[in-house]
């Protein structure tokens, strides 16, 4: 997060830490239900639908160097079974913990004489900006880690028949008779010969059998 980023306090994932007052040991507990932001999950696989209820249980603790946030997010995720391609739903519970540093404090919580100019170091850190913190990047990372990369509708899902696409869990006895391609041509030739013999028999002259019997 950029040091001079402007956070919007109206964003439901932006939280005000002024109540903590930069007093080490000060604690604030919050419970909030918000509408899930868009693209929350693993793209094209499984995720929390945009606007779905997202429950947040948070603990904000003031420490020397910033605000330590510990929390749990709960929601219902939707996706598609990777085996049978049927829609599925799954309860999501994602735990997270993140430190939001004060921009003017070093790693030991001491006020810096001059702001450090280390873009690479700051790029991997999250900051308290004018008393506000933005939980969205933390939440997204936690949700992605909590969701399965290959979701299934049930652990023993058999998937789809590779020949006709039938869902095997719906028809446990489903099968196809295997035909050895090496014999397929011979079976076709045998069938042709049988049909030819029947045609010859049907075309025989009347009375031939009777003469042979006599």
Protein backbone atom coordinates (compact mmCIF):
# COMPACT_ATOMS: atom_id res chain seq x y z
CA UNK A 1 0.00 0.00 0.00
CA UNK A 2 1.39 3.41 -0.90
CA UNK A 3 2.25 5.59 2.05
CA UNK A 4 0.14 8.49 0.82
CA UNK A 5 -2.86 6.44 -0.32
CA UNK A 6 -6.19 8.07 0.36
CA UNK A 7 -8.57 5.62 2.03
CA UNK A 8 -12.33 6.08 1.82
CA UNK A 9 -13.92 5.69 5.25
CA UNK A 10 -17.20 4.78 3.52
CA UNK A 11 -15.64 1.59 2.18
CA UNK A 12 -16.96 -1.26 4.40
CA UNK A 13 -13.49 -2.85 4.46
CA UNK A 14 -11.82 0.33 5.74
CA UNK A 15 -11.68 0.53 9.54
CA UNK A 16 -11.03 3.46 11.86
CA UNK A 17 -8.35 2.88 14.51
CA UNK A 18 -8.48 6.29 16.20
CA UNK A 19 -10.19 4.75 19.23
CA UNK A 20 -7.00 2.82 19.98
CA UNK A 21 -5.13 6.11 20.29
CA UNK A 22 -1.68 4.61 19.63
CA UNK A 23 -1.69 3.26 23.18
CA UNK A 24 0.16 -0.08 23.19
CA UNK A 25 -2.11 -2.75 24.65
CA UNK A 26 -5.34 -0.97 23.70
CA UNK A 27 -7.81 -3.44 22.21
CA UNK A 28 -10.92 -3.16 20.05
CA UNK A 29 -13.23 -6.01 19.00
CA UNK A 30 -15.54 -5.64 16.02
CA UNK A 31 -18.22 -7.76 14.38
CA UNK A 32 -19.49 -6.62 11.02
CA UNK A 33 -21.50 -8.13 8.15
CA UNK A 34 -20.84 -6.55 4.77
CA UNK A 35 -21.56 -7.23 1.10
CA UNK A 36 -18.75 -9.24 -0.45
CA UNK A 37 -16.63 -7.30 -2.98
CA UNK A 38 -16.38 -8.54 -6.54
CA UNK A 39 -13.89 -11.25 -7.60
CA UNK A 40 -13.43 -12.57 -4.07
CA UNK A 41 -11.97 -16.05 -4.56
CA UNK A 42 -10.22 -18.14 -7.19
CA UNK A 43 -11.18 -16.79 -10.63
CA UNK A 44 -13.16 -19.28 -12.72
CA UNK A 45 -13.07 -21.95 -10.00
CA UNK A 46 -14.79 -20.96 -6.75
CA UNK A 47 -15.49 -17.77 -4.84
CA UNK A 48 -17.90 -15.67 -2.81
CA UNK A 49 -20.52 -14.08 -5.10
CA UNK A 50 -20.42 -10.31 -5.26
CA UNK A 51 -22.89 -8.82 -2.77
CA UNK A 52 -23.26 -12.02 -0.72
CA UNK A 53 -23.21 -11.62 3.10
CA UNK A 54 -19.67 -11.68 4.46
CA UNK A 55 -19.27 -11.90 8.23
CA UNK A 56 -16.16 -10.39 9.79
CA UNK A 57 -15.01 -11.01 13.34
CA UNK A 58 -12.07 -8.74 14.14
CA UNK A 59 -9.64 -7.97 16.94
CA UNK A 60 -7.63 -4.74 16.59
CA UNK A 61 -4.72 -4.39 18.98
CA UNK A 62 -2.43 -1.40 19.32
CA UNK A 63 1.28 -2.25 19.50
CA UNK A 64 4.39 -0.10 19.43
CA UNK A 65 4.89 -0.22 15.67
CA UNK A 66 1.27 -0.14 14.54
CA UNK A 67 -2.04 -2.02 14.72
CA UNK A 68 -2.16 -5.80 14.76
CA UNK A 69 -5.36 -7.13 13.17
CA UNK A 70 -6.52 -10.68 13.83
CA UNK A 71 -9.76 -11.87 12.30
CA UNK A 72 -12.02 -14.47 10.75
CA UNK A 73 -14.18 -14.11 7.65
CA UNK A 74 -17.20 -16.35 7.04
CA UNK A 75 -19.34 -16.62 3.92
CA UNK A 76 -20.86 -19.08 1.46
CA UNK A 77 -18.72 -19.77 -1.59
CA UNK A 78 -20.05 -21.01 -4.92
CA UNK A 79 -18.28 -22.84 -7.70
CA UNK A 80 -18.27 -25.87 -9.99
CA UNK A 81 -17.19 -29.43 -9.26
CA UNK A 82 -14.00 -30.17 -11.20
CA UNK A 83 -15.07 -33.80 -11.69
CA UNK A 84 -18.74 -33.69 -12.72
CA UNK A 85 -19.08 -29.94 -13.50
CA UNK A 86 -22.17 -29.61 -11.27
CA UNK A 87 -22.69 -26.37 -9.29
CA UNK A 88 -21.64 -26.54 -5.64
CA UNK A 89 -21.78 -24.48 -2.46
CA UNK A 90 -19.28 -24.50 0.37
CA UNK A 91 -19.06 -22.74 3.73
CA UNK A 92 -15.97 -20.56 3.85
CA UNK A 93 -14.06 -19.72 7.02
CA UNK A 94 -10.81 -17.83 6.51
CA UNK A 95 -8.52 -16.77 9.36
CA UNK A 96 -5.97 -14.00 8.98
CA UNK A 97 -3.53 -11.85 10.93
CA UNK A 98 -1.73 -8.77 9.64
CA UNK A 99 0.34 -5.91 11.00
CA UNK A 100 -0.50 -2.40 9.82
CA UNK A 101 2.52 -0.21 10.51
CA UNK A 102 2.58 3.46 11.42
CA UNK A 103 4.30 5.30 8.54
CA UNK A 104 6.45 7.32 10.94
CA UNK A 105 7.64 4.39 13.09
CA UNK A 106 10.49 1.96 12.57
CA UNK A 107 10.36 -1.80 13.21
CA UNK A 108 10.73 -1.21 16.95
CA UNK A 109 7.95 1.33 17.12
CA UNK A 110 10.27 4.31 17.52
CA UNK A 111 9.43 7.50 15.65
CA UNK A 112 11.76 7.98 12.70
CA UNK A 113 13.83 11.17 12.59
CA UNK A 114 13.24 11.30 8.84
CA UNK A 115 10.89 9.24 6.68
CA UNK A 116 12.73 6.33 5.07
CA UNK A 117 12.94 6.27 1.31
CA UNK A 118 12.86 2.52 0.72
CA UNK A 119 10.23 1.70 -1.89
CA UNK A 120 11.05 -2.01 -1.98
CA UNK A 121 10.61 -2.40 1.78
CA UNK A 122 7.37 -0.41 1.87
CA UNK A 123 5.89 -2.34 -1.07
CA UNK A 124 5.44 -5.46 1.07
CA UNK A 125 4.03 -3.63 4.09
CA UNK A 126 0.59 -2.36 4.97
CA UNK A 127 0.19 0.97 6.73
CA UNK A 128 -2.18 2.90 8.95
CA UNK A 129 -3.20 5.96 6.92
CA UNK A 130 -4.64 8.86 8.90
CA UNK A 131 -5.92 6.38 11.46
CA UNK A 132 -7.55 4.15 8.81
CA UNK A 133 -6.65 0.63 7.66
CA UNK A 134 -7.83 -1.20 4.53
CA UNK A 135 -8.53 -4.89 5.09
CA UNK A 136 -9.41 -5.76 1.49
CA UNK A 137 -5.96 -7.02 0.34
CA UNK A 138 -5.60 -9.06 3.54
CA UNK A 139 -9.07 -10.52 3.12
CA UNK A 140 -8.49 -11.48 -0.51
CA UNK A 141 -5.27 -13.32 0.31
CA UNK A 142 -6.92 -15.17 3.21
CA UNK A 143 -9.94 -16.25 1.15
CA UNK A 144 -7.79 -17.57 -1.72
CA UNK A 145 -5.73 -19.64 0.74
CA UNK A 146 -8.86 -21.00 2.45
CA UNK A 147 -10.64 -22.11 -0.73
CA UNK A 148 -9.86 -25.39 -2.53
CA UNK A 149 -8.09 -25.08 -5.87
CA UNK A 150 -9.98 -28.17 -7.12
CA UNK A 151 -13.42 -28.14 -5.47
CA UNK A 152 -15.61 -31.26 -5.61
CA UNK A 153 -19.32 -31.64 -4.87
CA UNK A 154 -18.53 -34.66 -2.68
CA UNK A 155 -15.34 -36.48 -1.82
CA UNK A 156 -16.38 -39.68 -3.63
CA UNK A 157 -17.68 -37.93 -6.78
CA UNK A 158 -17.05 -40.30 -9.71
CA UNK A 159 -17.07 -37.57 -12.35
CA UNK A 160 -18.47 -38.04 -15.86
CA UNK A 161 -18.41 -41.00 -18.24
CA UNK A 162 -15.62 -40.39 -20.71
CA UNK A 163 -17.70 -41.88 -23.55
CA UNK A 164 -21.18 -40.39 -23.13
CA UNK A 165 -20.85 -37.73 -20.40
CA UNK A 166 -23.32 -39.30 -17.94
CA UNK A 167 -22.75 -38.31 -14.29
CA UNK A 168 -21.51 -41.57 -12.78
CA UNK A 169 -22.67 -40.79 -9.23
CA UNK A 170 -26.26 -40.76 -10.51
CA UNK A 171 -25.86 -44.17 -12.21
CA UNK A 172 -23.35 -46.35 -10.32
CA UNK A 173 -23.96 -49.33 -12.66
CA UNK A 174 -23.36 -47.32 -15.80
CA UNK A 175 -20.88 -48.92 -18.20
CA UNK A 176 -20.14 -49.53 -21.86
CA UNK A 177 -19.20 -52.91 -23.33
CA UNK A 178 -15.61 -52.68 -24.42
CA UNK A 179 -14.98 -53.72 -28.01
CA UNK A 180 -11.47 -54.70 -29.08
CA UNK A 181 -10.84 -52.77 -32.29
CA UNK A 182 -8.73 -55.69 -33.55
CA UNK A 183 -11.87 -57.86 -33.73
CA UNK A 184 -14.31 -55.20 -34.88
CA UNK A 185 -13.54 -55.72 -38.58
CA UNK A 186 -13.90 -59.51 -38.28
CA UNK A 187 -17.23 -59.12 -36.50
CA UNK A 188 -18.45 -56.95 -39.34
CA UNK A 189 -17.28 -59.50 -41.93
CA UNK A 190 -18.99 -62.35 -40.06
CA UNK A 191 -22.22 -60.38 -40.00
CA UNK A 192 -22.01 -59.80 -43.76
CA UNK A 193 -21.47 -63.52 -44.42
CA UNK A 194 -24.46 -64.46 -42.26
CA UNK A 195 -26.66 -62.01 -44.13
CA UNK A 196 -25.46 -63.45 -47.48
CA UNK A 197 -26.26 -67.02 -46.47
CA UNK A 198 -29.77 -66.00 -45.43
CA UNK A 199 -30.33 -64.34 -48.78
CA UNK A 200 -29.20 -67.49 -50.65
CA UNK A 201 -31.50 -69.68 -48.59
CA UNK A 202 -34.47 -67.42 -49.19
CA UNK A 203 -33.79 -67.52 -52.95
CA UNK A 204 -33.68 -71.36 -53.27
CA UNK A 205 -36.10 -73.05 -55.80
CA UNK A 206 -39.28 -74.56 -54.31
CA UNK A 207 -39.21 -78.32 -53.98
CA UNK A 208 -35.45 -78.69 -53.89
CA UNK A 209 -35.47 -79.90 -50.30
CA UNK A 210 -38.32 -82.30 -51.07
CA UNK A 211 -36.37 -83.89 -53.96
CA UNK A 212 -33.32 -84.29 -51.76
CA UNK A 213 -35.41 -86.05 -49.09
CA UNK A 214 -36.80 -88.47 -51.68
